[in-house]
Every structure is written in C-alpha cells, then in structure tokens.
C-alpha cells in the first residue's frame, strides 16, 4: 500500500519545486537579474505561468506592502497586474527582488507560503535566502510595516 502524503510532504515538495524553478530561471536570465531581465521573465511562460504586467500604484496595496499581484479576471489565464509601490519607480534595479517574492502567487496561487516566496526569489536572484531576506527588509524599511515606520514585515 502506498504511503499517503501529509500536508508537510506537500509543503516540502512545493518548496523544492519552487527552488528548482528559481534556479532554472537564474540559469536562463542571470547571473544578474535586472529590470530588463525581469521584463523578459514576465513574458516567458516557462518562468511566469500567467500573463503579468507591472504597474507602479500603491492604491491596491496594504499599508507596508511593497508589491502584490491582482488577478484581472475569474481565470488565471486572464492575467495579473503586479502592483508595486511607486516608491520603487526610481529604483528599477531593486524591483526584481520585490516582484520575484510575489511571483509565487502568480505561479502557484494560495498554495504558496512566505517560505516558498523567499526560496523562489533567492534562487532566481542567485543568492542565499538569508541575504535575500535581509535585502527585502532593507527595501521595505521606507514603507514601514503599516504600524510603525521602518519595520520589516517581509516573510
């Protein structure tokens, strides 16, 4: 009789999958993932499962949130808008780090957890999860966490 998968088995499997996909994307578009590479990734359905465009607009974001994808229809195939806080419009080199964290929601939906976002983003950028987390926190500092200025609430 086959062993039944537990929720933990599924979580570990998804995290391994997002790590592998991130490494593949890094190999394809790296070693440095900048604004141009991010734009190419967003058009590549092997990297980003559904259409996704970036819009610098804070209105749909929660306080302290740097980016978030919003579905454009009832089906994922209708695409997403990745809303990014306008603070980052003048920091395009930093936008890939922010967007990669949120792309797991486009690719995997609500099944993806913050750990998967961290794993995926770090793998795409070719850095360790600790370094990536620290970078996200630095980038989020100007936004605060919605309650206190300067707090990091990423991950």
N, C-alpha and C. Protein backbone atom coordinates (compact mmCIF):
# COMPACT_ATOMS: atom_id res chain seq x y z
N UNK A 1 0.85 -1.17 0.00
CA UNK A 1 0.00 0.00 0.00
C UNK A 1 0.90 1.24 0.00
N UNK A 2 0.54 2.20 -0.83
CA UNK A 2 1.32 3.43 -0.95
C UNK A 2 1.12 4.31 0.28
N UNK A 3 2.19 4.97 0.67
CA UNK A 3 2.14 5.91 1.79
C UNK A 3 1.32 7.13 1.37
N UNK A 4 0.44 7.56 2.24
CA UNK A 4 -0.34 8.76 1.96
C UNK A 4 0.49 10.00 2.25
N UNK A 5 0.41 10.97 1.35
CA UNK A 5 1.14 12.21 1.54
C UNK A 5 0.51 13.03 2.65
N UNK A 6 1.37 13.61 3.45
CA UNK A 6 0.90 14.51 4.51
C UNK A 6 0.98 15.95 4.00
N UNK A 7 0.38 16.86 4.72
CA UNK A 7 0.48 18.28 4.37
C UNK A 7 1.94 18.72 4.38
N UNK A 8 2.71 18.20 5.30
CA UNK A 8 4.14 18.55 5.37
C UNK A 8 4.88 18.04 4.14
N UNK A 9 4.54 16.83 3.67
CA UNK A 9 5.15 16.29 2.45
C UNK A 9 4.88 17.22 1.26
N UNK A 10 3.65 17.68 1.16
CA UNK A 10 3.27 18.57 0.06
C UNK A 10 4.02 19.89 0.17
N UNK A 11 4.12 20.44 1.38
CA UNK A 11 4.82 21.70 1.59
C UNK A 11 6.29 21.57 1.20
N UNK A 12 6.94 20.51 1.63
CA UNK A 12 8.35 20.28 1.32
C UNK A 12 8.53 20.10 -0.19
N UNK A 13 7.62 19.38 -0.82
CA UNK A 13 7.69 19.16 -2.26
C UNK A 13 7.53 20.46 -3.03
N UNK A 14 6.57 21.29 -2.64
CA UNK A 14 6.37 22.58 -3.31
C UNK A 14 7.60 23.46 -3.15
N UNK A 15 8.18 23.49 -1.96
CA UNK A 15 9.35 24.33 -1.73
C UNK A 15 10.52 23.86 -2.59
N UNK A 16 10.70 22.55 -2.70
CA UNK A 16 11.77 22.02 -3.55
C UNK A 16 11.51 22.39 -5.01
N UNK A 17 10.23 22.33 -5.41
CA UNK A 17 9.88 22.68 -6.79
C UNK A 17 10.16 24.16 -7.07
N UNK A 18 9.75 25.06 -6.18
CA UNK A 18 9.99 26.49 -6.43
C UNK A 18 11.49 26.80 -6.44
N UNK A 19 12.26 26.10 -5.61
CA UNK A 19 13.72 26.28 -5.62
C UNK A 19 14.29 25.88 -6.97
N UNK A 20 13.85 24.73 -7.48
CA UNK A 20 14.33 24.24 -8.77
C UNK A 20 13.94 25.19 -9.90
N UNK A 21 12.71 25.66 -9.91
CA UNK A 21 12.25 26.60 -10.94
C UNK A 21 13.05 27.91 -10.86
N UNK A 22 13.28 28.39 -9.64
CA UNK A 22 14.06 29.61 -9.47
C UNK A 22 15.47 29.45 -10.00
N UNK A 23 16.08 28.31 -9.75
CA UNK A 23 17.44 28.05 -10.24
C UNK A 23 17.46 27.99 -11.76
N UNK A 24 16.42 27.41 -12.36
CA UNK A 24 16.33 27.35 -13.82
C UNK A 24 16.21 28.76 -14.41
N UNK A 25 15.41 29.60 -13.78
CA UNK A 25 15.24 30.98 -14.25
C UNK A 25 16.55 31.74 -14.12
N UNK A 26 17.23 31.55 -13.00
CA UNK A 26 18.53 32.22 -12.81
C UNK A 26 19.52 31.78 -13.89
N UNK A 27 19.54 30.49 -14.20
CA UNK A 27 20.45 29.99 -15.22
C UNK A 27 20.11 30.58 -16.59
N UNK A 28 18.84 30.79 -16.85
CA UNK A 28 18.40 31.30 -18.15
C UNK A 28 18.61 32.81 -18.29
N UNK A 29 18.34 33.58 -17.22
CA UNK A 29 18.35 35.04 -17.30
C UNK A 29 19.45 35.71 -16.50
N UNK A 30 20.18 34.94 -15.68
CA UNK A 30 21.22 35.52 -14.85
C UNK A 30 22.50 35.72 -15.61
N UNK A 31 23.60 36.04 -14.95
CA UNK A 31 23.76 35.97 -13.50
C UNK A 31 23.14 37.14 -12.75
N UNK A 32 22.92 38.28 -13.42
CA UNK A 32 22.30 39.41 -12.74
C UNK A 32 20.89 39.57 -13.29
N UNK A 33 19.92 39.60 -12.40
CA UNK A 33 18.53 39.80 -12.80
C UNK A 33 18.17 41.26 -12.54
N UNK A 34 18.15 42.04 -13.60
CA UNK A 34 17.80 43.45 -13.50
C UNK A 34 16.42 43.71 -14.09
N UNK A 35 16.12 44.97 -14.31
CA UNK A 35 14.81 45.38 -14.83
C UNK A 35 14.54 44.71 -16.20
N UNK A 36 15.51 44.73 -17.09
CA UNK A 36 15.33 44.14 -18.42
C UNK A 36 15.09 42.65 -18.36
N UNK A 37 15.85 41.97 -17.55
CA UNK A 37 15.67 40.51 -17.39
C UNK A 37 14.31 40.20 -16.77
N UNK A 38 13.88 41.02 -15.82
CA UNK A 38 12.55 40.84 -15.22
C UNK A 38 11.47 40.96 -16.28
N UNK A 39 11.58 41.93 -17.16
CA UNK A 39 10.58 42.11 -18.22
C UNK A 39 10.55 40.88 -19.13
N UNK A 40 11.71 40.33 -19.45
CA UNK A 40 11.78 39.12 -20.27
C UNK A 40 11.14 37.94 -19.55
N UNK A 41 11.44 37.81 -18.26
CA UNK A 41 10.86 36.72 -17.46
C UNK A 41 9.34 36.78 -17.46
N UNK A 42 8.80 37.97 -17.31
CA UNK A 42 7.34 38.12 -17.24
C UNK A 42 6.66 37.70 -18.54
N UNK A 43 7.38 37.78 -19.65
CA UNK A 43 6.83 37.37 -20.95
C UNK A 43 7.04 35.88 -21.23
N UNK A 44 7.88 35.24 -20.45
CA UNK A 44 8.27 33.84 -20.67
C UNK A 44 7.37 32.93 -19.83
N UNK A 45 6.48 32.18 -20.48
CA UNK A 45 5.52 31.33 -19.75
C UNK A 45 6.20 30.14 -19.07
N UNK A 46 7.46 29.86 -19.36
CA UNK A 46 8.17 28.84 -18.60
C UNK A 46 8.64 29.39 -17.25
N UNK A 47 8.63 30.72 -17.12
CA UNK A 47 9.05 31.37 -15.87
C UNK A 47 7.85 31.88 -15.07
N UNK A 48 6.95 32.54 -15.75
CA UNK A 48 5.76 33.11 -15.12
C UNK A 48 4.56 32.50 -15.84
N UNK A 49 3.84 31.68 -15.12
CA UNK A 49 2.81 30.82 -15.70
C UNK A 49 1.70 31.57 -16.43
N UNK A 50 1.33 32.73 -15.90
CA UNK A 50 0.23 33.50 -16.47
C UNK A 50 0.69 34.91 -16.82
N UNK A 51 0.01 35.55 -17.77
CA UNK A 51 0.39 36.93 -18.11
C UNK A 51 0.44 37.82 -16.87
N UNK A 52 1.46 38.65 -16.81
CA UNK A 52 1.64 39.51 -15.64
C UNK A 52 2.37 40.77 -16.06
N UNK A 53 1.79 41.91 -15.75
CA UNK A 53 2.46 43.17 -16.04
C UNK A 53 2.61 43.96 -14.74
N UNK A 54 3.60 44.82 -14.73
CA UNK A 54 3.89 45.62 -13.53
C UNK A 54 3.24 46.98 -13.66
N UNK A 55 2.63 47.41 -12.57
CA UNK A 55 2.09 48.77 -12.50
C UNK A 55 2.51 49.38 -11.17
N UNK A 56 3.11 50.55 -11.24
CA UNK A 56 3.52 51.24 -10.02
C UNK A 56 2.31 52.02 -9.49
N UNK A 57 1.68 51.46 -8.47
CA UNK A 57 0.45 52.03 -7.93
C UNK A 57 0.25 51.46 -6.53
N UNK A 58 0.19 52.32 -5.53
CA UNK A 58 0.04 51.85 -4.15
C UNK A 58 -1.41 51.65 -3.73
N UNK A 59 -2.36 52.14 -4.52
CA UNK A 59 -3.77 52.08 -4.11
C UNK A 59 -4.24 50.66 -3.75
N UNK A 60 -3.89 49.63 -4.54
CA UNK A 60 -4.35 48.28 -4.19
C UNK A 60 -3.54 47.59 -3.07
N UNK A 61 -2.47 48.23 -2.61
CA UNK A 61 -1.58 47.60 -1.62
C UNK A 61 -2.04 47.90 -0.20
N UNK A 62 -1.74 46.97 0.69
CA UNK A 62 -1.99 47.17 2.11
C UNK A 62 -0.88 48.05 2.68
N UNK A 63 -1.13 48.71 3.81
CA UNK A 63 -0.06 49.51 4.44
C UNK A 63 1.19 48.64 4.68
N UNK A 64 2.33 49.15 4.27
CA UNK A 64 3.58 48.43 4.45
C UNK A 64 3.87 47.39 3.38
N UNK A 65 2.97 47.19 2.44
CA UNK A 65 3.15 46.18 1.40
C UNK A 65 3.91 46.78 0.22
N UNK A 66 4.93 46.08 -0.28
CA UNK A 66 5.75 46.60 -1.37
C UNK A 66 5.22 46.22 -2.74
N UNK A 67 4.56 45.07 -2.85
CA UNK A 67 4.04 44.61 -4.14
C UNK A 67 3.01 43.52 -3.88
N UNK A 68 2.11 43.35 -4.83
CA UNK A 68 1.13 42.28 -4.72
C UNK A 68 0.45 42.09 -6.08
N UNK A 69 0.29 40.82 -6.51
CA UNK A 69 -0.40 40.57 -7.78
C UNK A 69 -1.92 40.55 -7.58
N UNK A 70 -2.64 41.10 -8.55
CA UNK A 70 -4.10 41.09 -8.51
C UNK A 70 -4.59 40.47 -9.82
N UNK A 71 -5.43 39.45 -9.70
CA UNK A 71 -5.99 38.77 -10.87
C UNK A 71 -6.86 39.74 -11.66
N UNK A 72 -6.80 39.61 -12.98
CA UNK A 72 -7.56 40.50 -13.86
C UNK A 72 -8.86 39.89 -14.37
N UNK A 73 -9.19 38.73 -13.85
CA UNK A 73 -10.43 38.06 -14.26
C UNK A 73 -10.69 36.87 -13.37
N UNK A 74 -11.66 36.07 -13.77
CA UNK A 74 -12.04 34.90 -12.98
C UNK A 74 -11.07 33.74 -13.15
N UNK A 75 -10.37 33.71 -14.26
CA UNK A 75 -9.43 32.62 -14.54
C UNK A 75 -8.00 33.16 -14.51
N UNK A 76 -7.06 32.37 -14.02
CA UNK A 76 -5.66 32.81 -14.00
C UNK A 76 -5.16 33.22 -15.39
N UNK A 77 -5.66 32.57 -16.43
CA UNK A 77 -5.25 32.87 -17.80
C UNK A 77 -5.58 34.30 -18.20
N UNK A 78 -6.51 34.95 -17.46
CA UNK A 78 -6.85 36.34 -17.74
C UNK A 78 -5.70 37.28 -17.36
N UNK A 79 -4.76 36.78 -16.59
CA UNK A 79 -3.57 37.53 -16.25
C UNK A 79 -3.65 38.27 -14.92
N UNK A 80 -2.55 38.90 -14.60
CA UNK A 80 -2.37 39.60 -13.32
C UNK A 80 -1.73 40.95 -13.56
N UNK A 81 -2.02 41.85 -12.67
CA UNK A 81 -1.23 43.08 -12.57
C UNK A 81 -0.46 42.97 -11.26
N UNK A 82 0.85 43.12 -11.38
CA UNK A 82 1.70 43.14 -10.19
C UNK A 82 1.82 44.60 -9.78
N UNK A 83 1.07 44.96 -8.77
CA UNK A 83 1.16 46.33 -8.27
C UNK A 83 2.41 46.45 -7.41
N UNK A 84 3.21 47.45 -7.72
CA UNK A 84 4.44 47.72 -6.98
C UNK A 84 4.34 49.15 -6.45
N UNK A 85 4.74 49.32 -5.20
CA UNK A 85 4.68 50.66 -4.59
C UNK A 85 5.47 51.65 -5.44
N UNK A 86 4.89 52.83 -5.71
CA UNK A 86 5.56 53.82 -6.56
C UNK A 86 6.90 54.32 -6.02
N UNK A 87 7.17 54.10 -4.75
CA UNK A 87 8.47 54.46 -4.18
C UNK A 87 9.60 53.84 -4.99
N UNK A 88 9.36 52.67 -5.59
CA UNK A 88 10.40 51.93 -6.29
C UNK A 88 10.53 52.29 -7.77
N UNK A 89 9.72 53.23 -8.25
CA UNK A 89 9.81 53.65 -9.66
C UNK A 89 11.19 54.17 -10.02
N UNK A 90 11.87 54.76 -9.07
CA UNK A 90 13.20 55.30 -9.32
C UNK A 90 14.30 54.32 -8.89
N UNK A 91 13.90 53.13 -8.52
CA UNK A 91 14.84 52.10 -8.08
C UNK A 91 14.62 50.81 -8.88
N UNK A 92 14.59 50.92 -10.19
CA UNK A 92 14.24 49.78 -11.04
C UNK A 92 15.16 48.58 -10.83
N UNK A 93 16.39 48.81 -10.44
CA UNK A 93 17.31 47.69 -10.20
C UNK A 93 16.86 46.84 -9.01
N UNK A 94 16.07 47.43 -8.11
CA UNK A 94 15.59 46.71 -6.93
C UNK A 94 14.25 46.01 -7.15
N UNK A 95 13.55 46.39 -8.20
CA UNK A 95 12.20 45.85 -8.43
C UNK A 95 12.20 44.34 -8.63
N UNK A 96 13.18 43.73 -9.32
CA UNK A 96 13.15 42.27 -9.46
C UNK A 96 13.12 41.54 -8.11
N UNK A 97 13.84 42.02 -7.12
CA UNK A 97 13.82 41.37 -5.81
C UNK A 97 12.42 41.40 -5.21
N UNK A 98 11.73 42.52 -5.38
CA UNK A 98 10.38 42.67 -4.83
C UNK A 98 9.37 41.81 -5.60
N UNK A 99 9.45 41.86 -6.91
CA UNK A 99 8.50 41.13 -7.75
C UNK A 99 8.69 39.62 -7.64
N UNK A 100 9.93 39.16 -7.61
CA UNK A 100 10.17 37.71 -7.52
C UNK A 100 9.56 37.11 -6.27
N UNK A 101 9.57 37.87 -5.18
CA UNK A 101 8.95 37.39 -3.94
C UNK A 101 7.46 37.12 -4.15
N UNK A 102 6.80 37.94 -4.95
CA UNK A 102 5.37 37.83 -5.15
C UNK A 102 4.98 36.91 -6.32
N UNK A 103 5.92 36.57 -7.18
CA UNK A 103 5.59 35.75 -8.35
C UNK A 103 5.10 34.36 -8.00
N UNK A 104 5.44 33.85 -6.83
CA UNK A 104 4.92 32.52 -6.46
C UNK A 104 3.39 32.54 -6.38
N UNK A 105 2.81 33.69 -6.06
CA UNK A 105 1.35 33.79 -6.03
C UNK A 105 0.76 33.70 -7.43
N UNK A 106 1.46 34.22 -8.42
CA UNK A 106 1.02 34.12 -9.81
C UNK A 106 1.18 32.68 -10.28
N UNK A 107 2.30 32.07 -9.98
CA UNK A 107 2.59 30.73 -10.47
C UNK A 107 1.88 29.62 -9.70
N UNK A 108 1.69 29.78 -8.39
CA UNK A 108 1.17 28.69 -7.56
C UNK A 108 -0.07 29.05 -6.76
N UNK A 109 -0.49 30.28 -6.83
CA UNK A 109 -1.69 30.70 -6.12
C UNK A 109 -1.52 30.65 -4.62
N UNK A 110 -2.62 30.45 -3.96
CA UNK A 110 -2.64 30.47 -2.50
C UNK A 110 -1.93 29.27 -1.86
N UNK A 111 -1.51 28.32 -2.68
CA UNK A 111 -0.77 27.17 -2.15
C UNK A 111 0.62 27.60 -1.69
N UNK A 112 1.12 28.67 -2.26
CA UNK A 112 2.47 29.15 -1.93
C UNK A 112 2.46 29.90 -0.60
N UNK A 113 3.46 29.62 0.21
CA UNK A 113 3.62 30.27 1.50
C UNK A 113 4.80 31.25 1.43
N UNK A 114 4.96 32.03 2.48
CA UNK A 114 6.06 33.01 2.50
C UNK A 114 7.42 32.31 2.38
N UNK A 115 7.54 31.11 2.91
CA UNK A 115 8.80 30.36 2.79
C UNK A 115 9.09 30.05 1.32
N UNK A 116 8.04 29.73 0.56
CA UNK A 116 8.21 29.44 -0.86
C UNK A 116 8.62 30.70 -1.62
N UNK A 117 8.03 31.83 -1.25
CA UNK A 117 8.36 33.10 -1.89
C UNK A 117 9.83 33.44 -1.65
N UNK A 118 10.28 33.23 -0.44
CA UNK A 118 11.68 33.50 -0.09
C UNK A 118 12.61 32.56 -0.86
N UNK A 119 12.27 31.29 -0.90
CA UNK A 119 13.08 30.30 -1.61
C UNK A 119 13.15 30.62 -3.10
N UNK A 120 12.01 30.92 -3.69
CA UNK A 120 11.94 31.21 -5.11
C UNK A 120 12.74 32.47 -5.46
N UNK A 121 12.48 33.55 -4.76
CA UNK A 121 13.17 34.81 -5.04
C UNK A 121 14.67 34.69 -4.90
N UNK A 122 15.12 34.04 -3.85
CA UNK A 122 16.56 33.86 -3.64
C UNK A 122 17.17 33.04 -4.77
N UNK A 123 16.48 31.98 -5.18
CA UNK A 123 17.01 31.13 -6.25
C UNK A 123 17.06 31.89 -7.57
N UNK A 124 16.02 32.66 -7.89
CA UNK A 124 16.02 33.44 -9.13
C UNK A 124 17.19 34.43 -9.13
N UNK A 125 17.42 35.08 -8.02
CA UNK A 125 18.48 36.08 -7.93
C UNK A 125 19.87 35.47 -7.73
N UNK A 126 19.91 34.18 -7.41
CA UNK A 126 21.20 33.51 -7.23
C UNK A 126 21.90 33.88 -5.94
N UNK A 127 21.12 34.14 -4.88
CA UNK A 127 21.69 34.50 -3.58
C UNK A 127 21.08 33.60 -2.51
N UNK A 128 21.65 33.62 -1.32
CA UNK A 128 21.12 32.81 -0.23
C UNK A 128 19.80 33.41 0.28
N UNK A 129 19.00 32.60 0.91
CA UNK A 129 17.74 33.08 1.47
C UNK A 129 17.99 34.12 2.56
N UNK A 130 19.04 33.96 3.34
CA UNK A 130 19.35 34.95 4.39
C UNK A 130 19.70 36.31 3.78
N UNK A 131 20.51 36.29 2.74
CA UNK A 131 20.88 37.54 2.07
C UNK A 131 19.64 38.17 1.43
N UNK A 132 18.82 37.35 0.81
CA UNK A 132 17.60 37.84 0.15
C UNK A 132 16.64 38.45 1.18
N UNK A 133 16.45 37.77 2.27
CA UNK A 133 15.57 38.29 3.32
C UNK A 133 16.08 39.64 3.82
N UNK A 134 17.37 39.74 4.05
CA UNK A 134 17.95 41.00 4.51
C UNK A 134 17.75 42.11 3.49
N UNK A 135 17.90 41.77 2.21
CA UNK A 135 17.70 42.76 1.15
C UNK A 135 16.25 43.23 1.10
N UNK A 136 15.32 42.30 1.22
CA UNK A 136 13.90 42.68 1.23
C UNK A 136 13.61 43.61 2.41
N UNK A 137 14.16 43.30 3.55
CA UNK A 137 13.94 44.14 4.72
C UNK A 137 14.48 45.55 4.50
N UNK A 138 15.68 45.64 3.91
CA UNK A 138 16.25 46.96 3.61
C UNK A 138 15.34 47.74 2.67
N UNK A 139 14.85 47.05 1.65
CA UNK A 139 13.99 47.71 0.67
C UNK A 139 12.65 48.13 1.27
N UNK A 140 12.18 47.37 2.25
CA UNK A 140 10.89 47.68 2.87
C UNK A 140 10.97 48.76 3.93
N UNK A 141 12.15 49.00 4.45
CA UNK A 141 12.30 49.97 5.54
C UNK A 141 11.56 51.28 5.31
N UNK A 142 11.68 51.90 4.13
CA UNK A 142 10.98 53.17 3.93
C UNK A 142 9.45 53.06 4.00
N UNK A 143 8.92 51.86 3.79
CA UNK A 143 7.46 51.66 3.83
C UNK A 143 6.94 51.44 5.24
N UNK A 144 7.77 50.92 6.11
CA UNK A 144 7.29 50.53 7.44
C UNK A 144 6.46 49.27 7.32
N UNK A 145 5.88 48.85 8.41
CA UNK A 145 5.07 47.62 8.40
C UNK A 145 3.59 47.92 8.52
N UNK A 146 3.24 49.16 8.35
CA UNK A 146 1.84 49.51 8.44
C UNK A 146 1.45 50.01 9.83
N UNK A 147 2.32 49.75 10.81
CA UNK A 147 2.02 50.22 12.16
C UNK A 147 3.12 51.11 12.70
N UNK A 148 4.36 50.79 12.37
CA UNK A 148 5.49 51.59 12.84
C UNK A 148 6.41 51.88 11.67
N UNK A 149 6.89 53.09 11.53
CA UNK A 149 7.80 53.39 10.44
C UNK A 149 9.07 52.54 10.53
N UNK A 150 9.50 52.04 9.38
CA UNK A 150 10.80 51.38 9.31
C UNK A 150 10.83 49.92 9.71
N UNK A 151 9.70 49.29 10.03
CA UNK A 151 9.73 47.90 10.44
C UNK A 151 9.70 46.94 9.26
N UNK A 152 10.36 45.82 9.37
CA UNK A 152 10.34 44.83 8.29
C UNK A 152 9.30 43.78 8.60
N UNK A 153 8.39 43.57 7.67
CA UNK A 153 7.37 42.54 7.86
C UNK A 153 7.41 41.53 6.73
N UNK A 154 8.54 41.46 6.01
CA UNK A 154 8.61 40.51 4.91
C UNK A 154 8.87 39.13 5.47
N UNK A 155 8.20 38.13 4.84
CA UNK A 155 8.42 36.76 5.25
C UNK A 155 7.80 36.51 6.56
